[in-house]
Amino acid sequence: MILNASGCLDALTAPDVAAQLDCFVTKTVTPLPRGGNPPTRIAETAVGMLNSIGLANPGIDRFLAANLPELGALGLRLWVSVGGFSAEEYARSCALLDGRDEVEALELNLSCPNVEEAAESAAQIVAACRAATTKPLWAKLSPANWDIAASARAVEAAGADGLSLVNTIRGLALDPHTNRPRLHTATGGLSGPALKPIALAAVFQCRRVSALPIVGMGGVWNGRDAFELLAAGATHVALGTVLFGDPGAPARIAHELRVELARFGLAASQDASGIAHDHALSFQPPPAS
């Protein structure tokens, strides 16, 4: 399954792009409306993109009343990304979303680098949300955590149904003329090609210690990138920064992934999941005619 990374696509303004995905993930919704951080909020770098959006969103009440019905009308499989500043806030939003048939699953944004994070641990937040909803919960973890495998075990024990790996990692870019930070908040979340090795390591480590399904994301630009996340242990793949410049990326990458699977004699993406752990799988070129 190919999804989008939360915040990298607006299905209401780009429904044709969203329709190429197997499932659409909303931008993170918080209990109260947020205007986000002041500009400048995006800066391109040689290795990827920095963003400091700051979870700008209409708030859960407006989202439920207006945005969710519009998204439901698109006929997409839909996950809602949930954020907050305490376990109680996360749980309240999950409870409000629990009865909405439009929503297939909830992704808990436990790792945004651009806002103050909840004081509670990821496991505490997951446990509070598990008590508030019967919908599947996907825990989105931070690559800044050195022992991300321990976090994976903790959220699994707390009731998570899946892992989303990874969110952006904090970075800084300086203006070449002023030598001042290019973002208003100085630092922001780095996405794009530089994130791919970090994402691969996180997926690989978590697959070793957990049987939970994993959405792998970070630096996916082509089918080979998607294949490598699967090989490291992901069961699904999400696209992020690539969507800003290539609206045809979901269809293109899905095709390229099928070609890559065929190169190794694999029939489906699930056949590639975790092969980096299991055995060497080498490409065998066809015999010369």
C-alpha atoms as a PDB file:
ATOM      1  CA  MET A   1       0.000   0.000   0.000  1.00  0.00           C
ATOM      2  CA  ILE A   2       1.265   3.473  -0.908  1.00  0.00           C
ATOM      3  CA  LEU A   3       0.161   6.411   1.217  1.00  0.00           C
ATOM      4  CA  ASN A   4       1.199  10.030   1.607  1.00  0.00           C
ATOM      5  CA  ALA A   5       3.130  11.311   4.593  1.00  0.00           C
ATOM      6  CA  SER A   6       0.909  13.537   6.713  1.00  0.00           C
ATOM      7  CA  GLY A   7       1.147  17.201   5.758  1.00  0.00           C
ATOM      8  CA  CYS A   8       2.614  16.612   2.300  1.00  0.00           C
ATOM      9  CA  LEU A   9      -0.634  16.583   0.338  1.00  0.00           C
ATOM     10  CA  ASP A  10      -4.057  18.233   0.564  1.00  0.00           C
ATOM     11  CA  ALA A  11      -6.597  15.901  -0.989  1.00  0.00           C
ATOM     12  CA  LEU A  12      -9.206  18.652  -1.206  1.00  0.00           C
ATOM     13  CA  THR A  13      -7.002  20.860  -3.401  1.00  0.00           C
ATOM     14  CA  ALA A  14      -5.285  18.003  -5.288  1.00  0.00           C
ATOM     15  CA  PRO A  15      -7.856  15.178  -5.492  1.00  0.00           C
ATOM     16  CA  ASP A  16      -6.301  13.773  -8.666  1.00  0.00           C
ATOM     17  CA  VAL A  17      -3.005  13.231  -6.849  1.00  0.00           C
ATOM     18  CA  ALA A  18      -4.711  11.735  -3.804  1.00  0.00           C
ATOM     19  CA  ALA A  19      -6.656   9.348  -6.039  1.00  0.00           C
ATOM     20  CA  GLN A  20      -3.367   7.747  -7.121  1.00  0.00           C
ATOM     21  CA  LEU A  21      -2.720   6.638  -3.534  1.00  0.00           C
ATOM     22  CA  ASP A  22      -4.024   3.491  -1.882  1.00  0.00           C
ATOM     23  CA  CYS A  23      -4.849   5.525   1.228  1.00  0.00           C
ATOM     24  CA  PHE A  24      -4.795   9.235   2.138  1.00  0.00           C
ATOM     25  CA  VAL A  25      -3.417  10.554   5.449  1.00  0.00           C
ATOM     26  CA  THR A  26      -4.651  13.961   6.601  1.00  0.00           C
ATOM     27  CA  LYS A  27      -2.563  16.774   7.947  1.00  0.00           C
ATOM     28  CA  THR A  28      -2.255  16.570  11.723  1.00  0.00           C
ATOM     29  CA  VAL A  29      -5.359  17.795  13.554  1.00  0.00           C
ATOM     30  CA  THR A  30      -5.041  19.287  17.052  1.00  0.00           C
ATOM     31  CA  PRO A  31      -7.781  20.038  19.612  1.00  0.00           C
ATOM     32  CA  LEU A  32      -7.759  23.803  18.964  1.00  0.00           C
ATOM     33  CA  PRO A  33      -7.166  25.677  15.697  1.00  0.00           C
ATOM     34  CA  ARG A  34      -3.547  26.592  15.008  1.00  0.00           C
ATOM     35  CA  GLY A  35      -2.244  29.226  12.640  1.00  0.00           C
ATOM     36  CA  GLY A  36       1.179  27.613  12.642  1.00  0.00           C
ATOM     37  CA  ASN A  37       4.574  29.261  12.832  1.00  0.00           C
ATOM     38  CA  PRO A  38       5.328  32.659  11.229  1.00  0.00           C
ATOM     39  CA  PRO A  39       7.023  32.675   7.799  1.00  0.00           C
ATOM     40  CA  THR A  40       9.528  31.827   6.530  1.00  0.00           C
ATOM     41  CA  ARG A  41       8.338  28.242   7.053  1.00  0.00           C
ATOM     42  CA  ILE A  42       9.975  26.292   4.200  1.00  0.00           C
ATOM     43  CA  ALA A  43      13.590  26.267   3.011  1.00  0.00           C
ATOM     44  CA  GLU A  44      15.091  24.051   0.317  1.00  0.00           C
ATOM     45  CA  THR A  45      18.574  22.646   0.855  1.00  0.00           C
ATOM     46  CA  ALA A  46      20.974  20.572  -1.219  1.00  0.00           C
ATOM     47  CA  VAL A  47      19.904  17.400   0.585  1.00  0.00           C
ATOM     48  CA  GLY A  48      16.206  17.964   1.133  1.00  0.00           C
ATOM     49  CA  MET A  49      13.627  20.371   2.465  1.00  0.00           C
ATOM     50  CA  LEU A  50      13.282  22.039   5.857  1.00  0.00           C
ATOM     51  CA  ASN A  51       9.818  22.902   7.076  1.00  0.00           C
ATOM     52  CA  SER A  52       8.549  24.686  10.148  1.00  0.00           C
ATOM     53  CA  ILE A  53       4.810  24.754   9.498  1.00  0.00           C
ATOM     54  CA  GLY A  54       3.942  24.306  13.167  1.00  0.00           C
ATOM     55  CA  LEU A  55       0.888  22.066  12.780  1.00  0.00           C
ATOM     56  CA  ALA A  56      -1.343  24.702  11.173  1.00  0.00           C
ATOM     57  CA  ASN A  57      -4.869  23.224  11.111  1.00  0.00           C
ATOM     58  CA  PRO A  58      -8.523  24.163  11.724  1.00  0.00           C
ATOM     59  CA  GLY A  59      -8.860  22.251  15.011  1.00  0.00           C
ATOM     60  CA  ILE A  60     -10.768  19.043  15.658  1.00  0.00           C
ATOM     61  CA  ASP A  61     -14.260  20.569  15.871  1.00  0.00           C
ATOM     62  CA  ARG A  62     -14.015  22.394  12.537  1.00  0.00           C
ATOM     63  CA  PHE A  63     -12.313  19.369  10.982  1.00  0.00           C
ATOM     64  CA  LEU A  64     -15.206  17.113  12.016  1.00  0.00           C
ATOM     65  CA  ALA A  65     -17.868  19.542  10.857  1.00  0.00           C
ATOM     66  CA  ALA A  66     -16.404  20.637   7.521  1.00  0.00           C
ATOM     67  CA  ASN A  67     -13.191  18.970   6.369  1.00  0.00           C
ATOM     68  CA  LEU A  68     -13.998  15.349   7.159  1.00  0.00           C
ATOM     69  CA  PRO A  69     -17.321  15.258   5.254  1.00  0.00           C
ATOM     70  CA  GLU A  70     -15.591  16.790   2.224  1.00  0.00           C
ATOM     71  CA  LEU A  71     -12.790  14.234   2.418  1.00  0.00           C
ATOM     72  CA  GLY A  72     -15.310  11.432   2.829  1.00  0.00           C
ATOM     73  CA  ALA A  73     -17.057  12.528  -0.336  1.00  0.00           C
ATOM     74  CA  LEU A  74     -13.865  11.855  -2.325  1.00  0.00           C
ATOM     75  CA  GLY A  75     -14.262   8.140  -1.681  1.00  0.00           C
ATOM     76  CA  LEU A  76     -10.696   7.667  -0.440  1.00  0.00           C
ATOM     77  CA  ARG A  77      -9.488   5.278   2.206  1.00  0.00           C
ATOM     78  CA  LEU A  78      -8.736   7.750   4.963  1.00  0.00           C
ATOM     79  CA  TRP A  79      -6.409   7.945   7.949  1.00  0.00           C
ATOM     80  CA  VAL A  80      -6.531  10.967  10.243  1.00  0.00           C
ATOM     81  CA  SER A  81      -3.317  12.242  11.822  1.00  0.00           C
ATOM     82  CA  VAL A  82      -3.931  13.299  15.422  1.00  0.00           C
ATOM     83  CA  GLY A  83      -1.755  15.659  17.474  1.00  0.00           C
ATOM     84  CA  GLY A  84      -1.927  17.353  20.844  1.00  0.00           C
ATOM     85  CA  PHE A  85      -0.030  18.656  23.834  1.00  0.00           C
ATOM     86  CA  SER A  86      -1.078  16.108  26.440  1.00  0.00           C
ATOM     87  CA  ALA A  87      -2.297  12.525  26.494  1.00  0.00           C
ATOM     88  CA  GLU A  88      -5.738  13.839  27.394  1.00  0.00           C
ATOM     89  CA  GLU A  89      -5.859  16.026  24.275  1.00  0.00           C
ATOM     90  CA  TYR A  90      -4.854  13.159  22.009  1.00  0.00           C
ATOM     91  CA  ALA A  91      -7.443  10.890  23.619  1.00  0.00           C
ATOM     92  CA  ARG A  92     -10.239  13.466  23.286  1.00  0.00           C
ATOM     93  CA  SER A  93      -9.647  13.809  19.556  1.00  0.00           C
ATOM     94  CA  CYS A  94      -9.503  10.046  19.125  1.00  0.00           C
ATOM     95  CA  ALA A  95     -12.801   9.673  20.979  1.00  0.00           C
ATOM     96  CA  LEU A  96     -14.446  12.256  18.713  1.00  0.00           C
ATOM     97  CA  LEU A  97     -13.171  10.449  15.614  1.00  0.00           C
ATOM     98  CA  ASP A  98     -14.095   6.997  16.877  1.00  0.00           C
ATOM     99  CA  GLY A  99     -17.627   7.033  15.560  1.00  0.00           C
ATOM    100  CA  ARG A 100     -16.849   8.478  12.144  1.00  0.00           C
ATOM    101  CA  ASP A 101     -17.247   5.870   9.440  1.00  0.00           C
ATOM    102  CA  GLU A 102     -15.167   7.920   6.994  1.00  0.00           C
ATOM    103  CA  VAL A 103     -12.062   7.231   9.098  1.00  0.00           C
ATOM    104  CA  GLU A 104     -10.279   3.914   8.678  1.00  0.00           C
ATOM    105  CA  ALA A 105      -7.423   4.496  11.135  1.00  0.00           C
ATOM    106  CA  LEU A 106      -5.728   7.121  13.293  1.00  0.00           C
ATOM    107  CA  GLU A 107      -2.066   8.059  13.067  1.00  0.00           C
ATOM    108  CA  LEU A 108      -0.742   9.545  16.304  1.00  0.00           C
ATOM    109  CA  ASN A 109       1.808  12.259  15.559  1.00  0.00           C
ATOM    110  CA  LEU A 110       4.151  11.674  18.502  1.00  0.00           C
ATOM    111  CA  SER A 111       7.193  13.343  17.002  1.00  0.00           C
ATOM    112  CA  CYS A 112       6.671  16.736  15.366  1.00  0.00           C
ATOM    113  CA  PRO A 113       9.990  18.658  15.595  1.00  0.00           C
ATOM    114  CA  ASN A 114       8.345  22.076  15.080  1.00  0.00           C
ATOM    115  CA  VAL A 115       6.182  22.370  18.208  1.00  0.00           C
ATOM    116  CA  GLU A 116       6.537  21.708  21.895  1.00  0.00           C
ATOM    117  CA  GLU A 117       5.900  18.033  22.400  1.00  0.00           C
ATOM    118  CA  ALA A 118       3.585  16.492  24.976  1.00  0.00           C
ATOM    119  CA  ALA A 119       5.211  15.927  28.336  1.00  0.00           C
ATOM    120  CA  GLU A 120       3.967  12.352  28.476  1.00  0.00           C
ATOM    121  CA  SER A 121       5.843   9.535  26.828  1.00  0.00           C
ATOM    122  CA  ALA A 122       4.709   8.111  23.515  1.00  0.00           C
ATOM    123  CA  ALA A 123       3.521   4.972  25.313  1.00  0.00           C
ATOM    124  CA  GLN A 124       1.381   6.986  27.732  1.00  0.00           C
ATOM    125  CA  ILE A 125      -0.268   8.812  24.855  1.00  0.00           C
ATOM    126  CA  VAL A 126      -0.925   5.581  22.966  1.00  0.00           C
ATOM    127  CA  ALA A 127      -2.429   3.991  26.078  1.00  0.00           C
ATOM    128  CA  ALA A 128      -4.773   6.961  26.586  1.00  0.00           C
ATOM    129  CA  CYS A 129      -5.845   6.837  22.937  1.00  0.00           C
ATOM    130  CA  ARG A 130      -6.324   3.073  23.050  1.00  0.00           C
ATOM    131  CA  ALA A 131      -8.824   3.546  25.847  1.00  0.00           C
ATOM    132  CA  ALA A 132     -10.661   6.190  23.795  1.00  0.00           C
ATOM    133  CA  THR A 133     -11.115   4.451  20.439  1.00  0.00           C
ATOM    134  CA  THR A 134     -11.521   1.087  18.789  1.00  0.00           C
ATOM    135  CA  LYS A 135      -9.991   2.313  15.526  1.00  0.00           C
ATOM    136  CA  PRO A 136      -6.507   1.094  14.542  1.00  0.00           C
ATOM    137  CA  LEU A 137      -3.763   3.297  15.996  1.00  0.00           C
ATOM    138  CA  TRP A 138      -0.517   3.930  14.137  1.00  0.00           C
ATOM    139  CA  ALA A 139       2.244   5.497  16.243  1.00  0.00           C
ATOM    140  CA  LYS A 140       4.465   7.912  14.306  1.00  0.00           C
ATOM    141  CA  LEU A 141       7.865   7.965  15.972  1.00  0.00           C
ATOM    142  CA  SER A 142      10.812  10.335  15.842  1.00  0.00           C
ATOM    143  CA  PRO A 143      14.108   9.395  14.195  1.00  0.00           C
ATOM    144  CA  ALA A 144      15.848  11.584  16.800  1.00  0.00           C
ATOM    145  CA  ASN A 145      15.301   8.819  19.368  1.00  0.00           C
ATOM    146  CA  TRP A 146      18.567   6.888  19.493  1.00  0.00           C
ATOM    147  CA  ASP A 147      16.827   3.719  20.704  1.00  0.00           C
ATOM    148  CA  ILE A 148      13.766   3.847  18.487  1.00  0.00           C
ATOM    149  CA  ALA A 149      13.359   0.089  18.868  1.00  0.00           C
ATOM    150  CA  ALA A 150      12.666   0.574  22.588  1.00  0.00           C
ATOM    151  CA  SER A 151       9.994   3.134  21.716  1.00  0.00           C
ATOM    152  CA  ALA A 152       8.472   0.684  19.256  1.00  0.00           C
ATOM    153  CA  ARG A 153       8.250  -2.003  21.927  1.00  0.00           C
ATOM    154  CA  ALA A 154       6.726   0.484  24.381  1.00  0.00           C
ATOM    155  CA  VAL A 155       3.970   1.721  22.057  1.00  0.00           C
ATOM    156  CA  GLU A 156       3.200  -1.847  20.995  1.00  0.00           C
ATOM    157  CA  ALA A 157       2.727  -2.822  24.637  1.00  0.00           C
ATOM    158  CA  ALA A 158       0.513   0.248  25.113  1.00  0.00           C
ATOM    159  CA  GLY A 159      -1.851  -0.832  22.358  1.00  0.00           C
ATOM    160  CA  ALA A 160      -0.563   0.518  19.053  1.00  0.00           C
ATOM    161  CA  ASP A 161      -1.627  -1.444  15.986  1.00  0.00           C
ATOM    162  CA  GLY A 162       1.150  -0.194  13.704  1.00  0.00           C
ATOM    163  CA  LEU A 163       4.209   2.053  13.421  1.00  0.00           C
ATOM    164  CA  SER A 164       4.827   5.003  11.093  1.00  0.00           C
ATOM    165  CA  LEU A 165       8.569   5.465  10.562  1.00  0.00           C
ATOM    166  CA  VAL A 166       9.786   8.149  10.442  1.00  0.00           C
ATOM    167  CA  ASN A 167       8.902  11.765  10.981  1.00  0.00           C
ATOM    168  CA  THR A 168      11.300  14.518   9.931  1.00  0.00           C
ATOM    169  CA  ILE A 169      14.469  15.205  11.882  1.00  0.00           C
ATOM    170  CA  ARG A 170      15.506  18.636  13.097  1.00  0.00           C
ATOM    171  CA  GLY A 171      17.857  20.614  10.857  1.00  0.00           C
ATOM    172  CA  LEU A 172      19.109  24.158  10.203  1.00  0.00           C
ATOM    173  CA  ALA A 173      19.896  26.152   7.059  1.00  0.00           C
ATOM    174  CA  LEU A 174      21.694  29.515   6.949  1.00  0.00           C
ATOM    175  CA  ASP A 175      21.157  32.332   4.483  1.00  0.00           C
ATOM    176  CA  PRO A 176      24.374  32.732   2.400  1.00  0.00           C
ATOM    177  CA  HIS A 177      24.089  36.541   2.472  1.00  0.00           C
ATOM    178  CA  THR A 178      23.125  37.229   6.069  1.00  0.00           C
ATOM    179  CA  ASN A 179      24.386  34.048   7.735  1.00  0.00           C
ATOM    180  CA  ARG A 180      21.158  34.004   9.711  1.00  0.00           C
ATOM    181  CA  PRO A 181      18.777  31.011   9.895  1.00  0.00           C
ATOM    182  CA  ARG A 182      16.530  30.875   6.846  1.00  0.00           C
ATOM    183  CA  LEU A 183      13.493  29.723   8.855  1.00  0.00           C
ATOM    184  CA  HIS A 184      11.736  32.032  11.292  1.00  0.00           C
ATOM    185  CA  THR A 185      11.995  29.346  13.973  1.00  0.00           C
ATOM    186  CA  ALA A 186      15.689  28.757  13.080  1.00  0.00           C
ATOM    187  CA  THR A 187      15.372  24.973  12.979  1.00  0.00           C
ATOM    188  CA  GLY A 188      12.822  22.856  11.164  1.00  0.00           C
ATOM    189  CA  GLY A 189      12.074  19.305  10.128  1.00  0.00           C
ATOM    190  CA  LEU A 190      14.333  17.893   7.412  1.00  0.00           C
ATOM    191  CA  SER A 191      12.736  15.661   4.800  1.00  0.00           C
ATOM    192  CA  GLY A 192      13.817  14.390   1.401  1.00  0.00           C
ATOM    193  CA  PRO A 193      16.788  12.279   0.253  1.00  0.00           C
ATOM    194  CA  ALA A 194      18.916  12.858   3.362  1.00  0.00           C
ATOM    195  CA  LEU A 195      16.238  11.200   5.489  1.00  0.00           C
ATOM    196  CA  LYS A 196      16.234   7.888   3.633  1.00  0.00           C
ATOM    197  CA  PRO A 197      19.201   6.165   5.384  1.00  0.00           C
ATOM    198  CA  ILE A 198      17.797   7.281   8.732  1.00  0.00           C
ATOM    199  CA  ALA A 199      14.374   5.900   7.855  1.00  0.00           C
ATOM    200  CA  LEU A 200      15.870   2.621   6.661  1.00  0.00           C
ATOM    201  CA  ALA A 201      17.761   2.202   9.933  1.00  0.00           C
ATOM    202  CA  ALA A 202      14.649   2.941  12.002  1.00  0.00           C
ATOM    203  CA  VAL A 203      12.482   0.521  10.039  1.00  0.00           C
ATOM    204  CA  PHE A 204      15.185  -2.165  10.206  1.00  0.00           C
ATOM    205  CA  GLN A 205      15.622  -1.781  13.972  1.00  0.00           C
ATOM    206  CA  CYS A 206      11.914  -1.782  14.731  1.00  0.00           C
ATOM    207  CA  ARG A 207      11.209  -4.777  12.524  1.00  0.00           C
ATOM    208  CA  ARG A 208      13.763  -6.717  14.586  1.00  0.00           C
ATOM    209  CA  VAL A 209      11.853  -6.194  17.832  1.00  0.00           C
ATOM    210  CA  SER A 210       8.220  -5.867  16.782  1.00  0.00           C
ATOM    211  CA  ALA A 211       5.764  -7.752  14.624  1.00  0.00           C
ATOM    212  CA  LEU A 212       3.604  -4.654  14.119  1.00  0.00           C
ATOM    213  CA  PRO A 213       3.022  -3.540  10.526  1.00  0.00           C
ATOM    214  CA  ILE A 214       5.162  -0.549   9.553  1.00  0.00           C
ATOM    215  CA  VAL A 215       4.583   2.379   7.224  1.00  0.00           C
ATOM    216  CA  GLY A 216       8.066   3.314   6.036  1.00  0.00           C
ATOM    217  CA  MET A 217       8.685   6.878   4.888  1.00  0.00           C
ATOM    218  CA  GLY A 218      11.600   9.228   4.317  1.00  0.00           C
ATOM    219  CA  GLY A 219      13.335  10.131   1.075  1.00  0.00           C
ATOM    220  CA  VAL A 220      11.235   7.989  -1.265  1.00  0.00           C
ATOM    221  CA  TRP A 221      11.875   9.335  -4.781  1.00  0.00           C
ATOM    222  CA  ASN A 222      11.470   6.223  -6.908  1.00  0.00           C
ATOM    223  CA  GLY A 223      10.483   2.577  -6.879  1.00  0.00           C
ATOM    224  CA  ARG A 224      13.886   1.433  -5.664  1.00  0.00           C
ATOM    225  CA  ASP A 225      13.595   3.671  -2.600  1.00  0.00           C
ATOM    226  CA  ALA A 226      10.190   2.162  -1.840  1.00  0.00           C
ATOM    227  CA  PHE A 227      11.556  -1.358  -2.355  1.00  0.00           C
ATOM    228  CA  GLU A 228      14.401  -0.748   0.098  1.00  0.00           C
ATOM    229  CA  LEU A 229      12.005   0.381   2.830  1.00  0.00           C
ATOM    230  CA  LEU A 230      10.014  -2.795   2.281  1.00  0.00           C
ATOM    231  CA  ALA A 231      13.166  -4.890   2.373  1.00  0.00           C
ATOM    232  CA  ALA A 232      14.178  -3.245   5.653  1.00  0.00           C
ATOM    233  CA  GLY A 233      10.879  -4.328   7.168  1.00  0.00           C
ATOM    234  CA  ALA A 234       8.099  -1.963   6.137  1.00  0.00           C
ATOM    235  CA  THR A 235       4.759  -3.351   5.049  1.00  0.00           C
ATOM    236  CA  HIS A 236       3.564  -0.080   3.481  1.00  0.00           C
ATOM    237  CA  VAL A 237       5.355   2.971   2.049  1.00  0.00           C
ATOM    238  CA  ALA A 238       4.482   6.676   2.315  1.00  0.00           C
ATOM    239  CA  LEU A 239       5.547   9.489  -0.004  1.00  0.00           C
ATOM    240  CA  GLY A 240       6.454  12.922   1.299  1.00  0.00           C
ATOM    241  CA  THR A 241       8.630  15.651  -0.197  1.00  0.00           C
ATOM    242  CA  VAL A 242       8.477  14.143  -3.692  1.00  0.00           C
ATOM    243  CA  LEU A 243       4.793  15.110  -3.874  1.00  0.00           C
ATOM    244  CA  PHE A 244       5.628  18.825  -3.819  1.00  0.00           C
ATOM    245  CA  GLY A 245       7.418  18.628  -7.156  1.00  0.00           C
ATOM    246  CA  ASP A 246       5.896  15.640  -8.914  1.00  0.00           C
ATOM    247  CA  PRO A 247       2.098  15.290  -8.787  1.00  0.00           C
ATOM    248  CA  GLY A 248       2.376  12.050 -10.734  1.00  0.00           C
ATOM    249  CA  ALA A 249       4.737  10.494  -8.199  1.00  0.00           C
ATOM    250  CA  PRO A 250       2.289   8.000  -6.626  1.00  0.00           C
ATOM    251  CA  ALA A 251       1.445   6.313  -9.938  1.00  0.00           C
ATOM    252  CA  ARG A 252       5.047   6.502 -11.175  1.00  0.00           C
ATOM    253  CA  ILE A 253       6.545   5.049  -8.008  1.00  0.00           C
ATOM    254  CA  ALA A 254       3.913   2.310  -7.838  1.00  0.00           C
ATOM    255  CA  HIS A 255       4.859   1.272 -11.378  1.00  0.00           C
ATOM    256  CA  GLU A 256       8.582   1.430 -10.632  1.00  0.00           C
ATOM    257  CA  LEU A 257       8.054  -0.642  -7.495  1.00  0.00           C
ATOM    258  CA  ARG A 258       6.289  -3.348  -9.502  1.00  0.00           C
ATOM    259  CA  VAL A 259       9.248  -3.403 -11.912  1.00  0.00           C
ATOM    260  CA  GLU A 260      11.675  -3.696  -9.003  1.00  0.00           C
ATOM    261  CA  LEU A 261       9.679  -6.532  -7.440  1.00  0.00           C
ATOM    262  CA  ALA A 262       9.683  -8.384 -10.751  1.00  0.00           C
ATOM    263  CA  ARG A 263      13.458  -8.005 -11.013  1.00  0.00           C
ATOM    264  CA  PHE A 264      13.744 -10.160  -7.917  1.00  0.00           C
ATOM    265  CA  GLY A 265      11.009 -12.589  -8.844  1.00  0.00           C
ATOM    266  CA  LEU A 266       8.555 -11.243  -6.263  1.00  0.00           C
ATOM    267  CA  ALA A 267       4.853 -11.107  -7.009  1.00  0.00           C
ATOM    268  CA  ALA A 268       3.738  -8.459  -4.510  1.00  0.00           C
ATOM    269  CA  SER A 269       5.112  -5.887  -2.089  1.00  0.00           C
ATOM    270  CA  GLN A 270       4.367  -8.093   0.920  1.00  0.00           C
ATOM    271  CA  ASP A 271       6.794 -10.632  -0.506  1.00  0.00           C
ATOM    272  CA  ALA A 272       9.592  -8.064  -0.177  1.00  0.00           C
ATOM    273  CA  SER A 273       8.805  -7.038   3.404  1.00  0.00           C
ATOM    274  CA  GLY A 274      11.724  -7.854   5.678  1.00  0.00           C
ATOM    275  CA  ILE A 275      13.897  -9.666   3.142  1.00  0.00           C
ATOM    276  CA  ALA A 276      16.933  -7.714   4.359  1.00  0.00           C
ATOM    277  CA  HIS A 277      16.587  -9.651   7.608  1.00  0.00           C
ATOM    278  CA  ASP A 278      15.872 -13.081   6.196  1.00  0.00           C
ATOM    279  CA  HIS A 279      18.215 -13.942   3.401  1.00  0.00           C
ATOM    280  CA  ALA A 280      20.209 -12.581   0.527  1.00  0.00           C
ATOM    281  CA  LEU A 281      18.006 -12.071  -2.498  1.00  0.00           C
ATOM    282  CA  SER A 282      20.073 -11.365  -5.564  1.00  0.00           C
ATOM    283  CA  PHE A 283      18.959 -10.202  -8.968  1.00  0.00           C
ATOM    284  CA  GLN A 284      19.558 -12.928 -11.511  1.00  0.00           C
ATOM    285  CA  PRO A 285      19.740 -11.573 -15.065  1.00  0.00           C
ATOM    286  CA  PRO A 286      17.949 -13.663 -17.674  1.00  0.00           C
ATOM    287  CA  PRO A 287      20.119 -16.057 -19.681  1.00  0.00           C
ATOM    288  CA  ALA A 288      21.520 -14.693 -22.905  1.00  0.00           C
ATOM    289  CA  SER A 289      19.459 -15.674 -25.921  1.00  0.00           C
END
